[in-house]
Amino acid sequence: MRPAATTRTEFFADSRFSEEALITLRDALRARATSHPDNPGLVACLPAVPAHRMAGACAELIRLGYPVTRVTVGGWNGAKARDGWTLGA
């Protein structure tokens, strides 16, 4: 059996997402919600978290206690809507 992580850094070393990637994503979600309150959804946070990894990274932020929720992001120029994520208050 693996010993429990004893520091925050050790915890993130075993995680699918680095602490730096999660902080970058959290900050990007916060900035998007602040600067675009009418369309706060973020579909990717490049290069830290590409679109296909957003659900997992946002689930990790939720597990850490951040109020992240899934939202629908409207498509541009007739493109179909897709899932995005936003950071609540």
N, C-alpha and C. Protein backbone atom coordinates (compact mmCIF):
# COMPACT_ATOMS: atom_id res chain seq x y z
N MET A 1 0.84 -1.18 0.00
CA MET A 1 0.00 0.00 0.00
C MET A 1 0.88 1.24 0.00
N ARG A 2 0.50 2.23 -0.73
CA ARG A 2 1.22 3.48 -0.87
C ARG A 2 0.96 4.38 0.33
N PRO A 3 2.00 5.03 0.89
CA PRO A 3 1.76 5.93 2.01
C PRO A 3 0.99 7.18 1.56
N ALA A 4 0.23 7.73 2.47
CA ALA A 4 -0.54 8.93 2.16
C ALA A 4 0.40 10.10 1.92
N ALA A 5 0.00 11.00 1.01
CA ALA A 5 0.78 12.21 0.75
C ALA A 5 0.80 13.07 2.01
N THR A 6 1.95 13.61 2.32
CA THR A 6 2.06 14.38 3.55
C THR A 6 2.09 15.87 3.32
N THR A 7 2.35 16.30 2.10
CA THR A 7 2.34 17.73 1.79
C THR A 7 1.48 17.97 0.57
N ARG A 8 1.10 19.21 0.39
CA ARG A 8 0.30 19.58 -0.78
C ARG A 8 1.04 19.23 -2.07
N THR A 9 2.34 19.50 -2.12
CA THR A 9 3.13 19.20 -3.30
C THR A 9 3.17 17.71 -3.58
N GLU A 10 3.33 16.90 -2.55
CA GLU A 10 3.34 15.46 -2.74
C GLU A 10 1.99 14.98 -3.26
N PHE A 11 0.91 15.56 -2.76
CA PHE A 11 -0.41 15.17 -3.23
C PHE A 11 -0.52 15.41 -4.73
N PHE A 12 -0.14 16.61 -5.16
CA PHE A 12 -0.27 16.94 -6.57
C PHE A 12 0.71 16.15 -7.44
N ALA A 13 1.82 15.71 -6.90
CA ALA A 13 2.77 14.92 -7.68
C ALA A 13 2.14 13.61 -8.14
N ASP A 14 1.17 13.07 -7.41
CA ASP A 14 0.52 11.83 -7.77
C ASP A 14 -0.80 12.06 -8.52
N SER A 15 -1.17 13.28 -8.73
CA SER A 15 -2.44 13.62 -9.35
C SER A 15 -2.32 13.65 -10.87
N ARG A 16 -3.44 13.58 -11.55
CA ARG A 16 -3.45 13.68 -13.02
C ARG A 16 -3.13 15.09 -13.48
N PHE A 17 -3.30 16.07 -12.62
CA PHE A 17 -3.08 17.47 -12.97
C PHE A 17 -2.10 18.08 -11.98
N SER A 18 -1.17 18.82 -12.49
CA SER A 18 -0.20 19.47 -11.60
C SER A 18 -0.88 20.61 -10.85
N GLU A 19 -0.29 20.98 -9.74
CA GLU A 19 -0.79 22.11 -8.98
C GLU A 19 -0.79 23.36 -9.85
N GLU A 20 0.27 23.54 -10.63
CA GLU A 20 0.37 24.70 -11.52
C GLU A 20 -0.76 24.72 -12.55
N ALA A 21 -1.08 23.57 -13.13
CA ALA A 21 -2.16 23.50 -14.11
C ALA A 21 -3.50 23.85 -13.48
N LEU A 22 -3.75 23.34 -12.27
CA LEU A 22 -5.02 23.63 -11.60
C LEU A 22 -5.12 25.10 -11.20
N ILE A 23 -4.03 25.69 -10.76
CA ILE A 23 -4.04 27.11 -10.42
C ILE A 23 -4.27 27.95 -11.67
N THR A 24 -3.62 27.58 -12.77
CA THR A 24 -3.81 28.30 -14.04
C THR A 24 -5.26 28.20 -14.48
N LEU A 25 -5.85 27.02 -14.38
CA LEU A 25 -7.25 26.83 -14.76
C LEU A 25 -8.17 27.63 -13.85
N ARG A 26 -7.95 27.55 -12.55
CA ARG A 26 -8.78 28.31 -11.61
C ARG A 26 -8.74 29.81 -11.93
N ASP A 27 -7.55 30.33 -12.17
CA ASP A 27 -7.41 31.75 -12.47
C ASP A 27 -8.07 32.11 -13.80
N ALA A 28 -7.97 31.23 -14.80
CA ALA A 28 -8.60 31.47 -16.09
C ALA A 28 -10.13 31.45 -15.97
N LEU A 29 -10.65 30.51 -15.19
CA LEU A 29 -12.10 30.45 -14.95
C LEU A 29 -12.58 31.72 -14.26
N ARG A 30 -11.83 32.16 -13.27
CA ARG A 30 -12.19 33.38 -12.54
C ARG A 30 -12.16 34.59 -13.48
N ALA A 31 -11.11 34.70 -14.29
CA ALA A 31 -10.99 35.83 -15.21
C ALA A 31 -12.11 35.83 -16.25
N ARG A 32 -12.45 34.66 -16.77
CA ARG A 32 -13.52 34.57 -17.77
C ARG A 32 -14.85 34.96 -17.17
N ALA A 33 -15.14 34.49 -15.97
CA ALA A 33 -16.42 34.82 -15.31
C ALA A 33 -16.52 36.31 -15.03
N THR A 34 -15.40 36.93 -14.69
CA THR A 34 -15.38 38.36 -14.38
C THR A 34 -15.50 39.21 -15.65
N SER A 35 -14.76 38.83 -16.68
CA SER A 35 -14.72 39.66 -17.89
C SER A 35 -15.89 39.40 -18.85
N HIS A 36 -16.55 38.27 -18.75
CA HIS A 36 -17.68 37.92 -19.62
C HIS A 36 -18.83 37.35 -18.80
N PRO A 37 -19.44 38.15 -17.93
CA PRO A 37 -20.51 37.61 -17.07
C PRO A 37 -21.71 37.08 -17.86
N ASP A 38 -21.91 37.56 -19.09
CA ASP A 38 -23.02 37.08 -19.91
C ASP A 38 -22.71 35.75 -20.60
N ASN A 39 -21.44 35.39 -20.67
CA ASN A 39 -21.00 34.13 -21.30
C ASN A 39 -19.74 33.65 -20.58
N PRO A 40 -19.88 33.19 -19.33
CA PRO A 40 -18.71 32.90 -18.50
C PRO A 40 -18.02 31.56 -18.76
N GLY A 41 -18.57 30.75 -19.63
CA GLY A 41 -18.02 29.41 -19.83
C GLY A 41 -16.68 29.39 -20.52
N LEU A 42 -15.83 28.50 -20.06
CA LEU A 42 -14.51 28.29 -20.63
C LEU A 42 -14.45 26.84 -21.10
N VAL A 43 -13.98 26.61 -22.33
CA VAL A 43 -13.96 25.25 -22.85
C VAL A 43 -12.56 24.62 -22.80
N ALA A 44 -11.53 25.44 -22.61
CA ALA A 44 -10.16 24.95 -22.50
C ALA A 44 -9.32 26.02 -21.83
N CYS A 45 -8.18 25.62 -21.34
CA CYS A 45 -7.23 26.54 -20.72
C CYS A 45 -5.84 26.12 -21.21
N LEU A 46 -5.52 26.58 -22.41
CA LEU A 46 -4.29 26.14 -23.07
C LEU A 46 -3.07 26.89 -22.56
N PRO A 47 -1.95 26.25 -22.45
CA PRO A 47 -1.70 24.84 -22.73
C PRO A 47 -1.92 23.93 -21.53
N ALA A 48 -2.27 24.49 -20.38
CA ALA A 48 -2.36 23.70 -19.14
C ALA A 48 -3.41 22.60 -19.21
N VAL A 49 -4.60 22.93 -19.70
CA VAL A 49 -5.70 21.96 -19.72
C VAL A 49 -6.44 22.07 -21.06
N PRO A 50 -6.15 21.16 -21.99
CA PRO A 50 -6.88 21.18 -23.27
C PRO A 50 -8.34 20.78 -23.07
N ALA A 51 -9.16 21.06 -24.06
CA ALA A 51 -10.61 20.83 -23.95
C ALA A 51 -10.96 19.41 -23.53
N HIS A 52 -10.26 18.41 -24.06
CA HIS A 52 -10.62 17.02 -23.73
C HIS A 52 -10.27 16.64 -22.29
N ARG A 53 -9.56 17.48 -21.56
CA ARG A 53 -9.21 17.20 -20.16
C ARG A 53 -9.93 18.13 -19.18
N MET A 54 -10.76 19.04 -19.69
CA MET A 54 -11.43 20.02 -18.81
C MET A 54 -12.33 19.37 -17.78
N ALA A 55 -13.10 18.36 -18.16
CA ALA A 55 -14.01 17.73 -17.20
C ALA A 55 -13.24 17.17 -16.01
N GLY A 56 -12.14 16.50 -16.28
CA GLY A 56 -11.34 15.93 -15.19
C GLY A 56 -10.71 17.00 -14.32
N ALA A 57 -10.17 18.04 -14.94
CA ALA A 57 -9.54 19.11 -14.17
C ALA A 57 -10.57 19.87 -13.34
N CYS A 58 -11.73 20.12 -13.92
CA CYS A 58 -12.77 20.82 -13.17
C CYS A 58 -13.31 19.95 -12.04
N ALA A 59 -13.39 18.65 -12.26
CA ALA A 59 -13.80 17.74 -11.18
C ALA A 59 -12.79 17.80 -10.03
N GLU A 60 -11.52 17.92 -10.36
CA GLU A 60 -10.49 18.04 -9.33
C GLU A 60 -10.65 19.36 -8.57
N LEU A 61 -10.94 20.46 -9.27
CA LEU A 61 -11.18 21.74 -8.58
C LEU A 61 -12.40 21.64 -7.67
N ILE A 62 -13.44 20.97 -8.12
CA ILE A 62 -14.63 20.78 -7.29
C ILE A 62 -14.26 19.99 -6.04
N ARG A 63 -13.48 18.93 -6.22
CA ARG A 63 -13.06 18.12 -5.08
C ARG A 63 -12.25 18.95 -4.08
N LEU A 64 -11.52 19.95 -4.59
CA LEU A 64 -10.73 20.82 -3.72
C LEU A 64 -11.57 21.94 -3.09
N GLY A 65 -12.86 22.00 -3.44
CA GLY A 65 -13.76 22.95 -2.80
C GLY A 65 -14.11 24.18 -3.61
N TYR A 66 -13.71 24.24 -4.87
CA TYR A 66 -14.04 25.41 -5.70
C TYR A 66 -15.43 25.23 -6.31
N PRO A 67 -16.22 26.31 -6.41
CA PRO A 67 -17.58 26.22 -6.94
C PRO A 67 -17.61 26.23 -8.47
N VAL A 68 -17.10 25.18 -9.08
CA VAL A 68 -17.05 25.07 -10.53
C VAL A 68 -18.30 24.35 -11.00
N THR A 69 -18.92 24.87 -12.07
CA THR A 69 -20.12 24.23 -12.62
C THR A 69 -20.01 24.14 -14.14
N ARG A 70 -20.68 23.14 -14.67
CA ARG A 70 -20.74 22.95 -16.13
C ARG A 70 -21.80 23.90 -16.69
N VAL A 71 -21.48 24.52 -17.81
CA VAL A 71 -22.41 25.42 -18.50
C VAL A 71 -22.37 25.11 -19.99
N THR A 72 -23.34 25.60 -20.71
CA THR A 72 -23.35 25.48 -22.17
C THR A 72 -22.76 26.74 -22.76
N VAL A 73 -21.83 26.56 -23.67
CA VAL A 73 -21.19 27.68 -24.35
C VAL A 73 -21.70 27.69 -25.78
N GLY A 74 -22.33 28.82 -26.17
CA GLY A 74 -22.87 28.93 -27.51
C GLY A 74 -21.78 28.93 -28.56
N GLY A 75 -22.08 28.33 -29.70
CA GLY A 75 -21.12 28.30 -30.80
C GLY A 75 -21.05 29.64 -31.52
N TRP A 76 -19.93 29.90 -32.12
CA TRP A 76 -19.73 31.13 -32.90
C TRP A 76 -20.00 30.86 -34.37
N ASN A 77 -20.60 31.82 -35.03
CA ASN A 77 -20.86 31.73 -36.47
C ASN A 77 -21.55 30.44 -36.86
N GLY A 78 -22.58 30.07 -36.11
CA GLY A 78 -23.38 28.91 -36.45
C GLY A 78 -22.84 27.57 -35.95
N ALA A 79 -21.70 27.57 -35.30
CA ALA A 79 -21.17 26.32 -34.75
C ALA A 79 -22.08 25.84 -33.62
N LYS A 80 -22.09 24.53 -33.40
CA LYS A 80 -22.97 24.00 -32.35
C LYS A 80 -22.43 24.36 -30.96
N ALA A 81 -23.35 24.45 -30.02
CA ALA A 81 -22.99 24.74 -28.62
C ALA A 81 -22.22 23.55 -28.05
N ARG A 82 -21.39 23.84 -27.07
CA ARG A 82 -20.64 22.76 -26.42
C ARG A 82 -20.52 23.02 -24.92
N ASP A 83 -20.07 22.01 -24.21
CA ASP A 83 -19.92 22.14 -22.77
C ASP A 83 -18.74 23.05 -22.43
N GLY A 84 -18.95 23.84 -21.40
CA GLY A 84 -17.90 24.67 -20.86
C GLY A 84 -18.00 24.62 -19.35
N TRP A 85 -17.14 25.38 -18.70
CA TRP A 85 -17.08 25.39 -17.24
C TRP A 85 -16.95 26.81 -16.75
N THR A 86 -17.51 27.07 -15.57
CA THR A 86 -17.40 28.40 -14.99
C THR A 86 -17.16 28.28 -13.48
N LEU A 87 -16.57 29.32 -12.94
CA LEU A 87 -16.30 29.38 -11.51
C LEU A 87 -17.32 30.31 -10.88
N GLY A 88 -18.12 29.78 -9.95
CA GLY A 88 -19.14 30.57 -9.28
C GLY A 88 -18.55 31.48 -8.22
N ALA A 89 -19.43 32.21 -7.57
CA ALA A 89 -19.00 33.17 -6.54
C ALA A 89 -18.53 32.47 -5.28
